[in-house]
Amino acid sequence: MSKSDIPFRRTLVQAAVSLLAMCAATAVLAVPASAATGTTTVAGTSGPAGPAGAQAPRGSAPHPGAPGAALLPARAGVAGPVATQAADATLPVNHTCSTTLRIRAQRMTAQDLKNTCDSLAGQDTYFHNVVKDSGQPVRDDRNTSLEVVVFDSRAEYVRLAGSLYGVSTNNGGVYLEGNPAAAGNQARFVAYRDETAQTFAVVNLNHEYTHYLDGRYDMYGDWNANVSTPTLWWIEGLAEYVSYGYRGVFNSWAAGEASRQTYALSTLFDTTQQNDQNRIYAWGYLAVYYLVENHPADVAKILGLYRAGSWQTARSYVKQTIGTRYDADFRRWLLT
């Protein structure tokens, strides 16, 4: 594949979100429910947001404008009642896209909400075509819905996300999976609008949504179980691969890294949270791209083991069965 083909060039109108400026926790103009797909309410009229529970980040996304920020360790979220009351005051827009997707925001227009819902809904088919799953979630996964939290700016994200959801904000958004086996657990993506975009967009929207889908359909158990062996090459690589491919956007970061030929494929199987962001994101993307395109049978085998929670067996497969077998071809592929 030529670098101009990275990733799949499929057309898509990228989800644009045009948020109006506002002061947090003050009166907000409600978005009429009839003006957008789904239903929209404002704080005070909606039901509780649900318990935050113990939330562990599947991974934080790269900070916009830089290669990224370090991945975050697991940390507890804010207790349910406190998070609910504070969220109602700070994030008054409460829009239901579908039975599996809800948006909480400081302010979004009806069109913003529709575009965002449509982008996420459309990504489902693309994701399932990539991972070739059965369409059924992994055993014991009860994360039947995702809540997408959108702050109006990076400044608001930094100011409020930590106190509301117990996350670090030195990143471009965080997916909080929690314990997917626990009743009442709420999967949540905490993000903010991209102030650098000409048309408004949610930073790393499709990257983080891939984490939700991957956790539900590919990775058995919670975050700690998923990274009990080095799986970060897949977790972050897939999120980048699906995000860029679904949106039809050229990954110039990964293309630039590929030309340097820094890593062998067998080395990338050892990527952990202690590695830098070039290796985690750009090289994870390249590893997943190469295997999905060139060795789908190996991907199917690896995912079958991940879905069963057979982490050590999967580790043996990538390190011993695959091992260095594809290193020479991967190096050649990087320069084509």
Protein backbone atom coordinates (compact mmCIF):
# COMPACT_ATOMS: atom_id res chain seq x y z
CA MET A 1 0.00 0.00 0.00
CA SER A 2 1.27 3.48 -0.76
CA LYS A 3 1.38 6.06 2.00
CA SER A 4 -1.29 8.01 0.14
CA ASP A 5 -3.63 5.07 0.81
CA ILE A 6 -3.16 5.20 4.59
CA PRO A 7 -5.78 4.72 5.94
CA PHE A 8 -8.80 3.59 3.89
CA ARG A 9 -10.02 6.55 1.86
CA ARG A 10 -13.72 6.24 2.42
CA THR A 11 -15.68 9.42 2.25
CA LEU A 12 -17.47 10.65 5.28
CA VAL A 13 -18.86 13.94 6.41
CA GLN A 14 -16.92 14.23 9.68
CA ALA A 15 -19.07 14.97 12.66
CA ALA A 16 -19.07 18.71 13.21
CA VAL A 17 -20.14 20.24 16.44
CA SER A 18 -20.85 23.99 16.72
CA LEU A 19 -21.03 24.78 20.41
CA LEU A 20 -22.04 28.29 21.54
CA ALA A 21 -19.92 29.94 24.21
CA MET A 22 -21.32 29.84 27.70
CA CYS A 23 -20.39 30.08 31.36
CA ALA A 24 -20.53 26.76 33.17
CA ALA A 25 -23.40 26.04 35.53
CA THR A 26 -25.45 29.08 34.46
CA ALA A 27 -28.71 29.36 32.56
CA VAL A 28 -28.54 27.64 29.18
CA LEU A 29 -30.66 27.84 26.06
CA ALA A 30 -32.42 24.51 25.71
CA VAL A 31 -32.26 22.65 22.41
CA PRO A 32 -35.78 21.74 21.33
CA ALA A 33 -36.28 17.99 21.32
CA SER A 34 -38.11 18.16 18.00
CA ALA A 35 -35.17 19.83 16.27
CA ALA A 36 -32.78 16.89 16.38
CA THR A 37 -32.69 13.15 16.12
CA GLY A 38 -33.48 11.58 19.49
CA THR A 39 -34.64 13.46 22.56
CA THR A 40 -33.05 16.37 24.35
CA THR A 41 -33.64 17.69 27.84
CA VAL A 42 -31.97 20.24 30.06
CA ALA A 43 -30.81 19.81 33.62
CA GLY A 44 -33.63 19.75 36.10
CA THR A 45 -35.99 17.90 33.75
CA SER A 46 -33.87 14.85 32.93
CA GLY A 47 -33.33 11.72 34.96
CA PRO A 48 -30.13 11.01 36.87
CA ALA A 49 -26.97 10.46 34.90
CA GLY A 50 -26.36 7.15 36.64
CA PRO A 51 -23.58 6.14 38.99
CA ALA A 52 -20.07 6.96 37.92
CA GLY A 53 -18.75 3.94 39.80
CA ALA A 54 -15.12 2.93 39.76
CA GLN A 55 -13.88 4.17 36.40
CA ALA A 56 -10.62 3.10 34.77
CA PRO A 57 -9.47 4.79 31.56
CA ARG A 58 -8.99 2.45 28.62
CA GLY A 59 -6.56 5.07 27.38
CA SER A 60 -6.34 8.79 26.97
CA ALA A 61 -6.24 10.18 23.48
CA PRO A 62 -3.41 12.30 22.11
CA HIS A 63 -3.59 15.96 22.97
CA PRO A 64 -4.53 17.94 19.83
CA GLY A 65 -1.64 19.81 18.29
CA ALA A 66 0.97 17.50 19.79
CA PRO A 67 1.83 13.81 19.49
CA GLY A 68 -0.23 13.17 22.60
CA ALA A 69 -0.20 12.87 26.34
CA ALA A 70 0.85 9.94 28.46
CA LEU A 71 -1.77 7.30 29.12
CA LEU A 72 -3.45 7.49 32.45
CA PRO A 73 -3.37 5.00 35.33
CA ALA A 74 -6.62 3.65 36.71
CA ARG A 75 -8.41 5.99 39.11
CA ALA A 76 -11.78 6.16 40.81
CA GLY A 77 -14.55 8.31 39.45
CA VAL A 78 -16.74 10.66 41.45
CA ALA A 79 -19.52 8.98 43.44
CA GLY A 80 -22.86 8.76 41.67
CA PRO A 81 -25.03 11.33 43.52
CA VAL A 82 -22.30 13.98 43.54
CA ALA A 83 -21.47 13.42 39.88
CA THR A 84 -25.15 13.52 38.92
CA GLN A 85 -25.91 16.81 40.67
CA ALA A 86 -22.77 18.51 39.43
CA ALA A 87 -23.25 17.20 35.89
CA ASP A 88 -26.83 18.48 35.79
CA ALA A 89 -25.62 21.97 36.68
CA THR A 90 -22.57 21.98 34.42
CA LEU A 91 -23.78 19.89 31.48
CA PRO A 92 -27.43 20.83 31.04
CA VAL A 93 -27.84 19.48 27.50
CA ASN A 94 -28.88 15.85 27.83
CA HIS A 95 -29.58 14.31 24.42
CA THR A 96 -30.51 10.70 23.70
CA CYS A 97 -29.28 9.57 20.31
CA SER A 98 -30.51 6.00 20.71
CA THR A 99 -30.93 3.30 23.33
CA THR A 100 -27.14 2.83 23.30
CA LEU A 101 -25.88 6.41 23.07
CA ARG A 102 -26.41 9.63 25.01
CA ILE A 103 -24.69 13.03 24.87
CA ARG A 104 -24.18 15.36 27.83
CA ALA A 105 -22.87 18.82 26.92
CA GLN A 106 -22.50 22.39 28.06
CA ARG A 107 -24.20 23.57 24.87
CA MET A 108 -24.84 22.04 21.45
CA THR A 109 -27.22 22.98 18.68
CA ALA A 110 -29.78 20.55 17.31
CA GLN A 111 -27.67 20.10 14.17
CA ASP A 112 -24.53 19.52 16.25
CA LEU A 113 -26.27 16.76 18.15
CA LYS A 114 -27.61 15.13 15.00
CA ASN A 115 -24.20 15.21 13.28
CA THR A 116 -22.47 13.71 16.29
CA CYS A 117 -25.08 10.99 16.75
CA ASP A 118 -24.96 10.13 13.03
CA SER A 119 -21.16 9.94 13.02
CA LEU A 120 -21.07 7.55 15.94
CA ALA A 121 -23.92 5.40 14.66
CA GLY A 122 -22.30 5.10 11.24
CA GLN A 123 -19.02 4.02 12.77
CA ASP A 124 -20.53 0.81 14.15
CA THR A 125 -20.70 -0.92 10.78
CA TYR A 126 -17.19 0.18 9.86
CA PHE A 127 -15.80 -1.15 13.14
CA HIS A 128 -17.50 -4.54 12.85
CA ASN A 129 -16.25 -4.91 9.28
CA VAL A 130 -12.69 -4.37 10.52
CA VAL A 131 -12.75 -6.75 13.50
CA LYS A 132 -15.00 -9.36 11.87
CA ASP A 133 -16.82 -10.12 15.11
CA SER A 134 -20.09 -11.97 15.60
CA GLY A 135 -21.94 -8.80 16.54
CA GLN A 136 -22.34 -10.08 20.09
CA PRO A 137 -20.57 -8.47 23.06
CA VAL A 138 -17.98 -10.43 24.97
CA ARG A 139 -19.15 -12.50 27.90
CA ASP A 140 -20.16 -10.56 31.04
CA ASP A 141 -20.08 -7.17 29.31
CA ARG A 142 -23.05 -5.08 30.46
CA ASN A 143 -21.89 -1.74 29.04
CA THR A 144 -24.99 -1.51 26.88
CA SER A 145 -24.76 2.25 26.47
CA LEU A 146 -22.20 5.02 26.19
CA GLU A 147 -22.42 8.53 27.59
CA VAL A 148 -20.45 11.12 25.62
CA VAL A 149 -19.59 14.20 27.69
CA VAL A 150 -18.64 17.31 25.70
CA PHE A 151 -17.17 20.38 27.40
CA ASP A 152 -17.35 23.66 25.52
CA SER A 153 -13.58 24.23 25.39
CA ARG A 154 -10.32 22.75 26.51
CA ALA A 155 -10.22 25.30 29.33
CA GLU A 156 -13.60 24.08 30.58
CA TYR A 157 -12.44 20.48 30.28
CA VAL A 158 -9.35 21.21 32.36
CA ARG A 159 -11.38 23.19 34.90
CA LEU A 160 -14.23 20.75 35.39
CA ALA A 161 -13.55 17.21 34.15
CA GLY A 162 -11.27 16.29 37.03
CA SER A 163 -13.74 17.28 39.74
CA LEU A 164 -16.72 15.74 37.95
CA TYR A 165 -15.20 12.47 36.73
CA GLY A 166 -11.91 12.05 38.56
CA VAL A 167 -9.72 12.09 35.44
CA SER A 168 -6.47 13.75 34.49
CA THR A 169 -6.98 16.41 31.83
CA ASN A 170 -3.51 16.47 30.26
CA ASN A 171 -4.91 14.71 27.20
CA GLY A 172 -7.40 14.95 24.37
CA GLY A 173 -10.19 13.02 26.06
CA VAL A 174 -10.60 9.88 28.15
CA TYR A 175 -12.76 6.78 27.77
CA LEU A 176 -13.89 5.44 31.14
CA GLU A 177 -14.96 1.83 30.87
CA GLY A 178 -15.37 1.09 34.56
CA ASN A 179 -16.24 -2.51 35.43
CA PRO A 180 -18.29 -3.75 32.45
CA ALA A 181 -19.55 -6.73 34.44
CA ALA A 182 -21.09 -4.56 37.18
CA ALA A 183 -24.81 -3.81 37.13
CA GLY A 184 -25.44 -0.08 36.70
CA ASN A 185 -21.94 0.66 35.39
CA GLN A 186 -21.91 3.58 32.94
CA ALA A 187 -19.33 3.63 30.16
CA ARG A 188 -18.38 7.24 29.50
CA PHE A 189 -16.23 9.27 27.11
CA VAL A 190 -15.21 12.67 28.48
CA ALA A 191 -14.14 15.16 25.80
CA TYR A 192 -14.30 18.76 24.56
CA ARG A 193 -14.77 20.67 21.35
CA ASP A 194 -11.82 21.28 19.06
CA GLU A 195 -11.26 25.03 19.11
CA THR A 196 -8.72 24.77 16.26
CA ALA A 197 -11.20 23.32 13.78
CA GLN A 198 -12.81 25.57 11.18
CA THR A 199 -16.06 23.70 11.60
CA PHE A 200 -16.61 22.56 15.10
CA ALA A 201 -15.73 18.99 16.03
CA VAL A 202 -15.37 16.95 19.21
CA VAL A 203 -11.71 16.18 19.84
CA ASN A 204 -10.89 12.50 19.22
CA LEU A 205 -14.57 11.59 18.97
CA ASN A 206 -14.15 8.54 16.75
CA HIS A 207 -10.94 7.38 18.44
CA GLU A 208 -12.65 7.20 21.81
CA TYR A 209 -15.79 5.61 20.42
CA THR A 210 -13.59 2.84 19.03
CA HIS A 211 -12.36 2.19 22.59
CA TYR A 212 -15.97 1.66 23.67
CA LEU A 213 -16.68 -0.74 20.80
CA ASP A 214 -13.37 -2.57 21.22
CA GLY A 215 -13.92 -3.00 24.94
CA ARG A 216 -17.44 -4.31 24.37
CA TYR A 217 -16.82 -6.63 21.43
CA ASP A 218 -13.12 -7.59 21.54
CA MET A 219 -11.62 -7.34 25.02
CA TYR A 220 -12.93 -9.49 27.87
CA GLY A 221 -13.07 -7.86 31.29
CA ASP A 222 -12.01 -4.43 32.45
CA TRP A 223 -8.99 -2.29 31.64
CA ASN A 224 -6.73 -3.92 34.22
CA ALA A 225 -7.48 -7.36 32.79
CA ASN A 226 -6.98 -6.12 29.23
CA VAL A 227 -3.47 -4.80 29.94
CA SER A 228 -2.40 -7.70 32.17
CA THR A 229 -0.19 -8.55 29.18
CA PRO A 230 1.08 -6.00 26.62
CA THR A 231 -1.96 -5.35 24.43
CA LEU A 232 -1.60 -1.61 23.97
CA TRP A 233 -0.35 -2.01 20.40
CA TRP A 234 -3.84 -3.31 19.59
CA ILE A 235 -5.96 -1.10 21.87
CA GLU A 236 -4.55 2.24 20.74
CA GLY A 237 -3.55 1.05 17.28
CA LEU A 238 -7.11 -0.04 16.50
CA ALA A 239 -8.58 3.21 17.86
CA GLU A 240 -6.33 5.18 15.51
CA TYR A 241 -6.86 2.82 12.57
CA VAL A 242 -10.66 2.90 12.78
CA SER A 243 -10.82 6.63 13.49
CA TYR A 244 -8.67 7.62 10.51
CA GLY A 245 -10.13 5.01 8.20
CA TYR A 246 -13.76 5.72 8.99
CA ARG A 247 -13.29 9.45 8.54
CA GLY A 248 -11.19 9.00 5.38
CA VAL A 249 -8.39 11.17 6.81
CA PHE A 250 -4.72 10.66 5.91
CA ASN A 251 -2.60 9.82 8.96
CA SER A 252 0.43 12.02 8.29
CA TRP A 253 1.82 11.35 11.76
CA ALA A 254 1.99 7.60 11.14
CA ALA A 255 3.28 8.06 7.60
CA GLY A 256 6.14 10.19 8.89
CA GLU A 257 7.00 7.61 11.52
CA ALA A 258 6.88 4.79 8.97
CA SER A 259 9.58 6.43 6.89
CA ARG A 260 11.94 6.25 9.88
CA GLN A 261 11.51 2.46 10.27
CA THR A 262 12.09 2.81 14.00
CA TYR A 263 10.48 -0.42 15.19
CA ALA A 264 10.16 -4.02 14.12
CA LEU A 265 6.64 -5.45 14.29
CA SER A 266 7.77 -7.99 16.90
CA THR A 267 8.99 -5.12 19.09
CA LEU A 268 5.64 -3.36 18.90
CA PHE A 269 3.96 -6.36 20.52
CA ASP A 270 5.80 -5.29 23.72
CA THR A 271 4.41 -1.72 23.81
CA THR A 272 3.22 -0.59 27.25
CA GLN A 273 2.10 2.62 28.93
CA GLN A 274 5.73 3.41 29.70
CA ASN A 275 6.54 3.91 26.01
CA ASP A 276 6.29 7.27 24.26
CA GLN A 277 3.31 8.40 22.23
CA ASN A 278 4.91 7.91 18.84
CA ARG A 279 5.21 4.22 19.63
CA ILE A 280 1.83 3.89 21.31
CA TYR A 281 -0.31 5.75 18.77
CA ALA A 282 1.49 6.09 15.42
CA TRP A 283 3.27 2.75 15.56
CA GLY A 284 0.26 1.01 17.08
CA TYR A 285 -1.70 2.27 14.09
CA LEU A 286 0.92 0.93 11.67
CA ALA A 287 1.02 -2.48 13.38
CA VAL A 288 -2.76 -2.87 13.30
CA TYR A 289 -2.96 -1.57 9.71
CA TYR A 290 -0.32 -4.03 8.53
CA LEU A 291 -1.88 -7.06 10.23
CA VAL A 292 -5.49 -6.28 9.30
CA GLU A 293 -4.54 -5.73 5.66
CA ASN A 294 -1.97 -8.47 5.24
CA HIS A 295 -2.64 -11.16 7.85
CA PRO A 296 -6.36 -11.24 8.68
CA ALA A 297 -6.19 -14.86 9.86
CA ASP A 298 -3.71 -13.87 12.56
CA VAL A 299 -5.93 -10.98 13.61
CA ALA A 300 -8.91 -13.35 13.86
CA LYS A 301 -6.87 -15.72 16.04
CA ILE A 302 -5.64 -12.94 18.34
CA LEU A 303 -9.12 -11.44 18.75
CA GLY A 304 -10.62 -14.84 19.46
CA LEU A 305 -8.22 -15.15 22.39
CA TYR A 306 -8.77 -11.57 23.55
CA ARG A 307 -12.55 -12.09 23.50
CA ALA A 308 -12.15 -15.14 25.71
CA GLY A 309 -9.83 -13.33 28.11
CA SER A 310 -7.01 -15.76 27.27
CA TRP A 311 -4.33 -13.13 27.69
CA GLN A 312 -1.32 -15.39 28.21
CA THR A 313 -2.26 -17.61 25.27
CA ALA A 314 -2.67 -14.55 23.08
CA ARG A 315 0.67 -13.26 24.30
CA SER A 316 2.33 -16.53 23.36
CA TYR A 317 0.71 -16.41 19.94
CA VAL A 318 1.99 -12.93 19.04
CA LYS A 319 5.45 -13.44 20.57
CA GLN A 320 6.10 -17.05 19.55
CA THR A 321 3.79 -18.10 16.72
CA ILE A 322 4.10 -14.78 14.92
CA GLY A 323 7.29 -13.69 16.62
CA THR A 324 9.71 -12.15 14.11
CA ARG A 325 8.16 -13.94 11.13
CA TYR A 326 6.72 -10.76 9.60
CA ASP A 327 9.46 -8.31 10.59
CA ALA A 328 11.18 -8.20 7.20
CA ASP A 329 7.90 -7.81 5.32
CA PHE A 330 6.69 -5.16 7.76
CA ARG A 331 9.89 -3.18 7.19
CA ARG A 332 9.42 -3.43 3.43
CA TRP A 333 5.73 -2.44 3.74
CA LEU A 334 6.61 0.67 5.71
CA LEU A 335 8.48 2.09 2.71
CA THR A 336 5.97 1.21 0.00
